[in-house]
C-alpha cells in the first residue's frame, strides 16, 4: 500500500505506516475499503471481520469496533501514531 503501486488501493500513508509499526497488526491481513483500514485473521474470502478498523488521516483517526459490537467507537481524535492496539 505504501509503495503506491498502480492498481493498489489508496489510503492515508501516515495511518498505514503507523499501523505497520505494530507487530500484532503486521501479522494480520490489512485491507483498505472506503477509506477504512481493516484487519482480518483470514487471507481468503470471507474475511474474519471480527477486528477493529481505522478511519482517518494524518491529523485525526477514529478506531471502530467490529460491525456487530455493542460499543462502536473505541477511540476518536487519535493521531496516526495512536492507532496501535493497546491505546484503544
PDB file of N, CA and C in Angstrom:
ATOM      1  N   UNK A   1       0.817  -1.191   0.000  1.00  0.00           N
ATOM      2  CA  UNK A   1       0.000   0.000   0.000  1.00  0.00           C
ATOM      3  C   UNK A   1       0.862   1.258   0.000  1.00  0.00           C
ATOM      4  N   UNK A   2       1.939   1.231   0.772  1.00  0.00           N
ATOM      5  CA  UNK A   2       2.774   2.422   0.871  1.00  0.00           C
ATOM      6  C   UNK A   2       3.591   2.683  -0.384  1.00  0.00           C
ATOM      7  N   UNK A   3       3.829   1.656  -1.186  1.00  0.00           N
ATOM      8  CA  UNK A   3       4.605   1.831  -2.409  1.00  0.00           C
ATOM      9  C   UNK A   3       3.815   2.531  -3.505  1.00  0.00           C
ATOM     10  N   UNK A   4       2.512   2.679  -3.322  1.00  0.00           N
ATOM     11  CA  UNK A   4       1.646   3.356  -4.301  1.00  0.00           C
ATOM     12  C   UNK A   4       1.739   2.722  -5.688  1.00  0.00           C
ATOM     13  N   UNK A   5       1.753   1.408  -5.701  1.00  0.00           N
ATOM     14  CA  UNK A   5       1.816   0.704  -6.979  1.00  0.00           C
ATOM     15  C   UNK A   5       0.533   0.922  -7.764  1.00  0.00           C
ATOM     16  N   UNK A   6       0.630   0.950  -9.105  1.00  0.00           N
ATOM     17  CA  UNK A   6      -0.577   1.116  -9.916  1.00  0.00           C
ATOM     18  C   UNK A   6      -1.594   0.032  -9.592  1.00  0.00           C
ATOM     19  N   UNK A   7      -2.817   0.410  -9.436  1.00  0.00           N
ATOM     20  CA  UNK A   7      -3.889  -0.532  -9.131  1.00  0.00           C
ATOM     21  C   UNK A   7      -4.065  -0.799  -7.654  1.00  0.00           C
ATOM     22  N   UNK A   8      -3.120  -0.350  -6.827  1.00  0.00           N
ATOM     23  CA  UNK A   8      -3.247  -0.559  -5.377  1.00  0.00           C
ATOM     24  C   UNK A   8      -4.252   0.442  -4.809  1.00  0.00           C
ATOM     25  N   UNK A   9      -4.957   0.026  -3.803  1.00  0.00           N
ATOM     26  CA  UNK A   9      -5.891   0.927  -3.148  1.00  0.00           C
ATOM     27  C   UNK A   9      -5.109   2.021  -2.434  1.00  0.00           C
ATOM     28  N   UNK A  10      -5.676   3.198  -2.389  1.00  0.00           N
ATOM     29  CA  UNK A  10      -5.015   4.332  -1.755  1.00  0.00           C
ATOM     30  C   UNK A  10      -5.584   4.543  -0.365  1.00  0.00           C
ATOM     31  N   UNK A  11      -4.731   4.699   0.582  1.00  0.00           N
ATOM     32  CA  UNK A  11      -5.128   5.006   1.942  1.00  0.00           C
ATOM     33  C   UNK A  11      -4.250   6.118   2.465  1.00  0.00           C
ATOM     34  N   UNK A  12      -4.470   6.517   3.673  1.00  0.00           N
ATOM     35  CA  UNK A  12      -3.663   7.555   4.288  1.00  0.00           C
ATOM     36  C   UNK A  12      -2.315   6.953   4.673  1.00  0.00           C
ATOM     37  N   UNK A  13      -1.227   7.391   4.030  1.00  0.00           N
ATOM     38  CA  UNK A  13       0.085   6.802   4.310  1.00  0.00           C
ATOM     39  C   UNK A  13       0.483   6.845   5.784  1.00  0.00           C
ATOM     40  N   UNK A  14       0.165   7.926   6.489  1.00  0.00           N
ATOM     41  CA  UNK A  14       0.550   8.026   7.908  1.00  0.00           C
ATOM     42  C   UNK A  14      -0.137   6.960   8.746  1.00  0.00           C
ATOM     43  N   UNK A  15      -1.388   6.665   8.451  1.00  0.00           N
ATOM     44  CA  UNK A  15      -2.132   5.651   9.197  1.00  0.00           C
ATOM     45  C   UNK A  15      -1.589   4.264   8.872  1.00  0.00           C
ATOM     46  N   UNK A  16      -1.349   4.006   7.596  1.00  0.00           N
ATOM     47  CA  UNK A  16      -0.821   2.707   7.180  1.00  0.00           C
ATOM     48  C   UNK A  16       0.557   2.479   7.791  1.00  0.00           C
ATOM     49  N   UNK A  17       1.391   3.501   7.755  1.00  0.00           N
ATOM     50  CA  UNK A  17       2.740   3.382   8.309  1.00  0.00           C
ATOM     51  C   UNK A  17       2.692   3.153   9.815  1.00  0.00           C
ATOM     52  N   UNK A  18       1.851   3.899  10.529  1.00  0.00           N
ATOM     53  CA  UNK A  18       1.747   3.733  11.987  1.00  0.00           C
ATOM     54  C   UNK A  18       1.249   2.341  12.338  1.00  0.00           C
ATOM     55  N   UNK A  19       0.244   1.853  11.632  1.00  0.00           N
ATOM     56  CA  UNK A  19      -0.269   0.511  11.901  1.00  0.00           C
ATOM     57  C   UNK A  19       0.780  -0.541  11.579  1.00  0.00           C
ATOM     58  N   UNK A  20       1.591  -0.275  10.566  1.00  0.00           N
ATOM     59  CA  UNK A  20       2.627  -1.222  10.171  1.00  0.00           C
ATOM     60  C   UNK A  20       3.770  -1.340  11.164  1.00  0.00           C
ATOM     61  N   UNK A  21       3.879  -0.414  12.095  1.00  0.00           N
ATOM     62  CA  UNK A  21       4.938  -0.498  13.102  1.00  0.00           C
ATOM     63  C   UNK A  21       4.568  -1.452  14.233  1.00  0.00           C
ATOM     64  N   UNK A  22       3.309  -1.849  14.291  1.00  0.00           N
ATOM     65  CA  UNK A  22       2.832  -2.734  15.350  1.00  0.00           C
ATOM     66  C   UNK A  22       2.883  -4.182  14.874  1.00  0.00           C
ATOM     67  N   UNK A  23       3.724  -5.028  15.483  1.00  0.00           N
ATOM     68  CA  UNK A  23       3.851  -6.423  15.041  1.00  0.00           C
ATOM     69  C   UNK A  23       2.524  -7.184  15.029  1.00  0.00           C
ATOM     70  N   UNK A  24       1.636  -6.915  15.979  1.00  0.00           N
ATOM     71  CA  UNK A  24       0.347  -7.633  16.002  1.00  0.00           C
ATOM     72  C   UNK A  24      -0.506  -7.295  14.790  1.00  0.00           C
ATOM     73  N   UNK A  25      -0.403  -6.076  14.293  1.00  0.00           N
ATOM     74  CA  UNK A  25      -1.167  -5.707  13.102  1.00  0.00           C
ATOM     75  C   UNK A  25      -0.487  -6.208  11.830  1.00  0.00           C
ATOM     76  N   UNK A  26       0.834  -6.213  11.806  1.00  0.00           N
ATOM     77  CA  UNK A  26       1.551  -6.723  10.636  1.00  0.00           C
ATOM     78  C   UNK A  26       1.277  -8.202  10.399  1.00  0.00           C
ATOM     79  N   UNK A  27       0.929  -8.940  11.428  1.00  0.00           N
ATOM     80  CA  UNK A  27       0.652 -10.367  11.297  1.00  0.00           C
ATOM     81  C   UNK A  27      -0.714 -10.633  10.679  1.00  0.00           C
ATOM     82  N   UNK A  28      -1.529  -9.589  10.535  1.00  0.00           N
ATOM     83  CA  UNK A  28      -2.879  -9.736  10.004  1.00  0.00           C
ATOM     84  C   UNK A  28      -2.934  -9.307   8.535  1.00  0.00           C
ATOM     85  N   UNK A  29      -4.004  -9.699   7.863  1.00  0.00           N
ATOM     86  CA  UNK A  29      -4.258  -9.207   6.516  1.00  0.00           C
ATOM     87  C   UNK A  29      -4.834  -7.806   6.654  1.00  0.00           C
ATOM     88  N   UNK A  30      -4.162  -6.812   6.087  1.00  0.00           N
ATOM     89  CA  UNK A  30      -4.704  -5.454   6.103  1.00  0.00           C
ATOM     90  C   UNK A  30      -5.329  -5.183   4.746  1.00  0.00           C
ATOM     91  N   UNK A  31      -6.413  -4.413   4.773  1.00  0.00           N
ATOM     92  CA  UNK A  31      -7.179  -4.185   3.560  1.00  0.00           C
ATOM     93  C   UNK A  31      -7.797  -2.798   3.642  1.00  0.00           C
ATOM     94  N   UNK A  32      -7.715  -2.042   2.563  1.00  0.00           N
ATOM     95  CA  UNK A  32      -8.336  -0.722   2.505  1.00  0.00           C
ATOM     96  C   UNK A  32      -9.697  -0.828   1.837  1.00  0.00           C
ATOM     97  N   UNK A  33     -10.687  -0.231   2.461  1.00  0.00           N
ATOM     98  CA  UNK A  33     -12.024  -0.235   1.903  1.00  0.00           C
ATOM     99  C   UNK A  33     -12.723   1.059   2.286  1.00  0.00           C
ATOM    100  N   UNK A  34     -13.066   1.866   1.301  1.00  0.00           N
ATOM    101  CA  UNK A  34     -13.775   3.126   1.545  1.00  0.00           C
ATOM    102  C   UNK A  34     -13.112   3.965   2.640  1.00  0.00           C
ATOM    103  N   UNK A  35     -11.821   4.187   2.510  1.00  0.00           N
ATOM    104  CA  UNK A  35     -11.021   4.989   3.435  1.00  0.00           C
ATOM    105  C   UNK A  35     -10.853   4.366   4.816  1.00  0.00           C
ATOM    106  N   UNK A  36     -11.251   3.123   4.981  1.00  0.00           N
ATOM    107  CA  UNK A  36     -11.071   2.414   6.253  1.00  0.00           C
ATOM    108  C   UNK A  36      -9.949   1.392   6.086  1.00  0.00           C
ATOM    109  N   UNK A  37      -9.052   1.370   7.051  1.00  0.00           N
ATOM    110  CA  UNK A  37      -8.007   0.351   7.083  1.00  0.00           C
ATOM    111  C   UNK A  37      -8.518  -0.764   7.984  1.00  0.00           C
ATOM    112  N   UNK A  38      -8.805  -1.903   7.379  1.00  0.00           N
ATOM    113  CA  UNK A  38      -9.373  -3.027   8.115  1.00  0.00           C
ATOM    114  C   UNK A  38      -8.319  -4.116   8.294  1.00  0.00           C
ATOM    115  N   UNK A  39      -8.551  -4.973   9.283  1.00  0.00           N
ATOM    116  CA  UNK A  39      -7.630  -6.069   9.587  1.00  0.00           C
ATOM    117  C   UNK A  39      -8.431  -7.360   9.701  1.00  0.00           C
ATOM    118  N   UNK A  40      -7.857  -8.437   9.180  1.00  0.00           N
ATOM    119  CA  UNK A  40      -8.554  -9.720   9.159  1.00  0.00           C
ATOM    120  C   UNK A  40      -7.606 -10.841   9.541  1.00  0.00           C
ATOM    121  N   UNK A  41      -8.144 -11.853  10.193  1.00  0.00           N
ATOM    122  CA  UNK A  41      -7.351 -13.020  10.597  1.00  0.00           C
ATOM    123  C   UNK A  41      -7.191 -14.021   9.465  1.00  0.00           C
ATOM    124  N   UNK A  42      -8.050 -13.942   8.474  1.00  0.00           N
ATOM    125  CA  UNK A  42      -8.016 -14.881   7.357  1.00  0.00           C
ATOM    126  C   UNK A  42      -7.560 -14.163   6.087  1.00  0.00           C
ATOM    127  N   UNK A  43      -6.951 -14.887   5.183  1.00  0.00           N
ATOM    128  CA  UNK A  43      -6.471 -14.285   3.945  1.00  0.00           C
ATOM    129  C   UNK A  43      -7.362 -14.595   2.755  1.00  0.00           C
ATOM    130  N   UNK A  44      -8.399 -15.369   2.973  1.00  0.00           N
ATOM    131  CA  UNK A  44      -9.313 -15.717   1.899  1.00  0.00           C
ATOM    132  C   UNK A  44     -10.724 -15.269   2.261  1.00  0.00           C
ATOM    133  N   UNK A  45     -11.499 -14.966   1.235  1.00  0.00           N
ATOM    134  CA  UNK A  45     -12.898 -14.595   1.431  1.00  0.00           C
ATOM    135  C   UNK A  45     -13.691 -15.804   1.904  1.00  0.00           C
ATOM    136  N   UNK A  46     -14.584 -15.700   2.843  1.00  0.00           N
ATOM    137  CA  UNK A  46     -14.947 -14.464   3.547  1.00  0.00           C
ATOM    138  C   UNK A  46     -13.928 -14.124   4.633  1.00  0.00           C
ATOM    139  N   UNK A  47     -13.591 -12.837   4.736  1.00  0.00           N
ATOM    140  CA  UNK A  47     -12.636 -12.392   5.745  1.00  0.00           C
ATOM    141  C   UNK A  47     -13.272 -12.457   7.120  1.00  0.00           C
ATOM    142  N   UNK A  48     -12.449 -12.417   8.141  1.00  0.00           N
ATOM    143  CA  UNK A  48     -12.945 -12.624   9.510  1.00  0.00           C
ATOM    144  C   UNK A  48     -13.881 -11.517   9.986  1.00  0.00           C
ATOM    145  N   UNK A  49     -13.619 -10.267   9.653  1.00  0.00           N
ATOM    146  CA  UNK A  49     -14.485  -9.140  10.040  1.00  0.00           C
ATOM    147  C   UNK A  49     -14.784  -9.079  11.536  1.00  0.00           C
ATOM    148  N   UNK A  50     -13.870  -9.560  12.361  1.00  0.00           N
ATOM    149  CA  UNK A  50     -14.102  -9.549  13.804  1.00  0.00           C
ATOM    150  C   UNK A  50     -13.098  -8.668  14.546  1.00  0.00           C
ATOM    151  N   UNK A  51     -12.399  -7.811  13.804  1.00  0.00           N
ATOM    152  CA  UNK A  51     -11.392  -6.951  14.408  1.00  0.00           C
ATOM    153  C   UNK A  51     -11.740  -5.478  14.186  1.00  0.00           C
ATOM    154  N   UNK A  52     -11.240  -4.607  15.047  1.00  0.00           N
ATOM    155  CA  UNK A  52     -11.476  -3.171  14.855  1.00  0.00           C
ATOM    156  C   UNK A  52     -10.886  -2.681  13.531  1.00  0.00           C
ATOM    157  N   UNK A  53     -11.361  -1.514  13.084  1.00  0.00           N
ATOM    158  CA  UNK A  53     -10.825  -0.899  11.879  1.00  0.00           C
ATOM    159  C   UNK A  53     -10.627   0.588  12.115  1.00  0.00           C
ATOM    160  N   UNK A  54      -9.790   1.207  11.268  1.00  0.00           N
ATOM    161  CA  UNK A  54      -9.358   2.582  11.452  1.00  0.00           C
ATOM    162  C   UNK A  54      -9.822   3.431  10.270  1.00  0.00           C
ATOM    163  N   UNK A  55     -10.376   4.604  10.576  1.00  0.00           N
ATOM    164  CA  UNK A  55     -10.753   5.574   9.556  1.00  0.00           C
ATOM    165  C   UNK A  55     -10.111   6.895   9.946  1.00  0.00           C
ATOM    166  N   UNK A  56      -9.443   7.539   9.016  1.00  0.00           N
ATOM    167  CA  UNK A  56      -8.869   8.837   9.338  1.00  0.00           C
ATOM    168  C   UNK A  56      -7.739   9.241   8.444  1.00  0.00           C
ATOM    169  N   UNK A  57      -7.069  10.302   8.866  1.00  0.00           N
ATOM    170  CA  UNK A  57      -5.949  10.832   8.110  1.00  0.00           C
ATOM    171  C   UNK A  57      -4.806  11.145   9.066  1.00  0.00           C
ATOM    172  N   UNK A  58      -3.833  11.894   8.603  1.00  0.00           N
ATOM    173  CA  UNK A  58      -2.649  12.158   9.401  1.00  0.00           C
ATOM    174  C   UNK A  58      -2.972  12.963  10.661  1.00  0.00           C
ATOM    175  N   UNK A  59      -4.039  13.744  10.656  1.00  0.00           N
ATOM    176  CA  UNK A  59      -4.359  14.606  11.792  1.00  0.00           C
ATOM    177  C   UNK A  59      -5.271  13.956  12.824  1.00  0.00           C
ATOM    178  N   UNK A  60      -6.256  13.201  12.382  1.00  0.00           N
ATOM    179  CA  UNK A  60      -7.193  12.603  13.333  1.00  0.00           C
ATOM    180  C   UNK A  60      -7.743  11.282  12.813  1.00  0.00           C
ATOM    181  N   UNK A  61      -7.798  10.300  13.686  1.00  0.00           N
ATOM    182  CA  UNK A  61      -8.280   8.963  13.333  1.00  0.00           C
ATOM    183  C   UNK A  61      -9.337   8.519  14.335  1.00  0.00           C
ATOM    184  N   UNK A  62     -10.201   7.658  13.874  1.00  0.00           N
ATOM    185  CA  UNK A  62     -11.182   7.024  14.740  1.00  0.00           C
ATOM    186  C   UNK A  62     -11.035   5.524  14.584  1.00  0.00           C
ATOM    187  N   UNK A  63     -11.013   4.814  15.707  1.00  0.00           N
ATOM    188  CA  UNK A  63     -10.940   3.357  15.690  1.00  0.00           C
ATOM    189  C   UNK A  63     -12.333   2.837  16.025  1.00  0.00           C
ATOM    190  N   UNK A  64     -12.874   2.021  15.143  1.00  0.00           N
ATOM    191  CA  UNK A  64     -14.209   1.461  15.316  1.00  0.00           C
ATOM    192  C   UNK A  64     -14.124  -0.017  15.664  1.00  0.00           C
ATOM    193  N   UNK A  65     -15.050  -0.468  16.479  1.00  0.00           N
ATOM    194  CA  UNK A  65     -15.168  -1.883  16.813  1.00  0.00           C
ATOM    195  C   UNK A  65     -15.742  -2.625  15.605  1.00  0.00           C
ATOM    196  N   UNK A  66     -15.625  -3.945  15.588  1.00  0.00           N
ATOM    197  CA  UNK A  66     -16.254  -4.714  14.509  1.00  0.00           C
ATOM    198  C   UNK A  66     -17.742  -4.386  14.411  1.00  0.00           C
ATOM    199  N   UNK A  67     -18.315  -4.620  13.252  1.00  0.00           N
ATOM    200  CA  UNK A  67     -19.672  -4.163  12.950  1.00  0.00           C
ATOM    201  C   UNK A  67     -20.744  -4.573  13.955  1.00  0.00           C
ATOM    202  N   UNK A  68     -20.649  -5.723  14.565  1.00  0.00           N
ATOM    203  CA  UNK A  68     -21.720  -6.186  15.445  1.00  0.00           C
ATOM    204  C   UNK A  68     -21.403  -6.003  16.927  1.00  0.00           C
ATOM    205  N   UNK A  69     -20.380  -5.234  17.246  1.00  0.00           N
ATOM    206  CA  UNK A  69     -20.020  -4.990  18.648  1.00  0.00           C
ATOM    207  C   UNK A  69     -20.947  -3.940  19.243  1.00  0.00           C
ATOM    208  N   UNK A  70     -21.272  -4.061  20.539  1.00  0.00           N
ATOM    209  CA  UNK A  70     -22.185  -3.099  21.163  1.00  0.00           C
ATOM    210  C   UNK A  70     -21.592  -1.691  21.255  1.00  0.00           C
ATOM    211  N   UNK A  71     -20.313  -1.570  21.505  1.00  0.00           N
ATOM    212  CA  UNK A  71     -19.660  -0.261  21.572  1.00  0.00           C
ATOM    213  C   UNK A  71     -18.956  -0.038  20.242  1.00  0.00           C
ATOM    214  N   UNK A  72     -19.412   0.919  19.459  1.00  0.00           N
ATOM    215  CA  UNK A  72     -18.880   1.104  18.109  1.00  0.00           C
ATOM    216  C   UNK A  72     -17.569   1.873  18.061  1.00  0.00           C
ATOM    217  N   UNK A  73     -17.444   2.962  18.805  1.00  0.00           N
ATOM    218  CA  UNK A  73     -16.234   3.781  18.742  1.00  0.00           C
ATOM    219  C   UNK A  73     -15.315   3.396  19.893  1.00  0.00           C
ATOM    220  N   UNK A  74     -14.122   2.945  19.551  1.00  0.00           N
ATOM    221  CA  UNK A  74     -13.152   2.541  20.560  1.00  0.00           C
ATOM    222  C   UNK A  74     -12.186   3.666  20.899  1.00  0.00           C
ATOM    223  N   UNK A  75     -11.983   4.564  19.970  1.00  0.00           N
ATOM    224  CA  UNK A  75     -11.101   5.698  20.183  1.00  0.00           C
ATOM    225  C   UNK A  75     -11.323   6.714  19.086  1.00  0.00           C
ATOM    226  N   UNK A  76     -11.322   7.990  19.442  1.00  0.00           N
ATOM    227  CA  UNK A  76     -11.515   9.007  18.419  1.00  0.00           C
ATOM    228  C   UNK A  76     -10.589  10.188  18.668  1.00  0.00           C
ATOM    229  N   UNK A  77     -10.416  10.989  17.645  1.00  0.00           N
ATOM    230  CA  UNK A  77      -9.499  12.133  17.675  1.00  0.00           C
ATOM    231  C   UNK A  77      -8.081  11.694  18.002  1.00  0.00           C
ATOM    232  N   UNK A  78      -7.710  10.530  17.501  1.00  0.00           N
ATOM    233  CA  UNK A  78      -6.376   9.992  17.719  1.00  0.00           C
ATOM    234  C   UNK A  78      -5.452  10.436  16.596  1.00  0.00           C
ATOM    235  N   UNK A  79      -4.183  10.588  16.900  1.00  0.00           N
ATOM    236  CA  UNK A  79      -3.215  10.819  15.840  1.00  0.00           C
ATOM    237  C   UNK A  79      -2.902   9.481  15.191  1.00  0.00           C
ATOM    238  N   UNK A  80      -2.286   9.536  14.032  1.00  0.00           N
ATOM    239  CA  UNK A  80      -1.963   8.289  13.322  1.00  0.00           C
ATOM    240  C   UNK A  80      -1.099   7.373  14.176  1.00  0.00           C
ATOM    241  N   UNK A  81      -0.228   7.919  15.003  1.00  0.00           N
ATOM    242  CA  UNK A  81       0.645   7.096  15.844  1.00  0.00           C
ATOM    243  C   UNK A  81      -0.114   6.406  16.974  1.00  0.00           C
ATOM    244  N   UNK A  82      -1.293   6.880  17.289  1.00  0.00           N
ATOM    245  CA  UNK A  82      -2.060   6.315  18.413  1.00  0.00           C
ATOM    246  C   UNK A  82      -3.019   5.221  17.980  1.00  0.00           C
ATOM    247  N   UNK A  83      -2.956   4.780  16.752  1.00  0.00           N
ATOM    248  CA  UNK A  83      -3.921   3.783  16.288  1.00  0.00           C
ATOM    249  C   UNK A  83      -3.491   2.357  16.562  1.00  0.00           C
ATOM    250  N   UNK A  84      -2.389   2.170  17.246  1.00  0.00           N
ATOM    251  CA  UNK A  84      -1.923   0.814  17.533  1.00  0.00           C
ATOM    252  C   UNK A  84      -2.724   0.205  18.678  1.00  0.00           C
ATOM    253  N   UNK A  85      -2.907  -1.130  18.690  1.00  0.00           N
ATOM    254  CA  UNK A  85      -3.629  -1.785  19.766  1.00  0.00           C
ATOM    255  C   UNK A  85      -3.016  -1.458  21.118  1.00  0.00           C
ATOM    256  N   UNK A  86      -3.840  -1.477  22.128  1.00  0.00           N
ATOM    257  CA  UNK A  86      -3.381  -1.150  23.477  1.00  0.00           C
ATOM    258  C   UNK A  86      -3.671   0.302  23.812  1.00  0.00           C
ATOM    259  N   UNK A  87      -3.871   1.121  22.778  1.00  0.00           N
ATOM    260  CA  UNK A  87      -4.236   2.522  23.008  1.00  0.00           C
ATOM    261  C   UNK A  87      -5.722   2.728  22.735  1.00  0.00           C
ATOM    262  N   UNK A  88      -6.437   1.664  22.345  1.00  0.00           N
ATOM    263  CA  UNK A  88      -7.866   1.790  22.070  1.00  0.00           C
ATOM    264  C   UNK A  88      -8.584   1.654  23.363  1.00  0.00           C
TER     265      UNK A  88
END
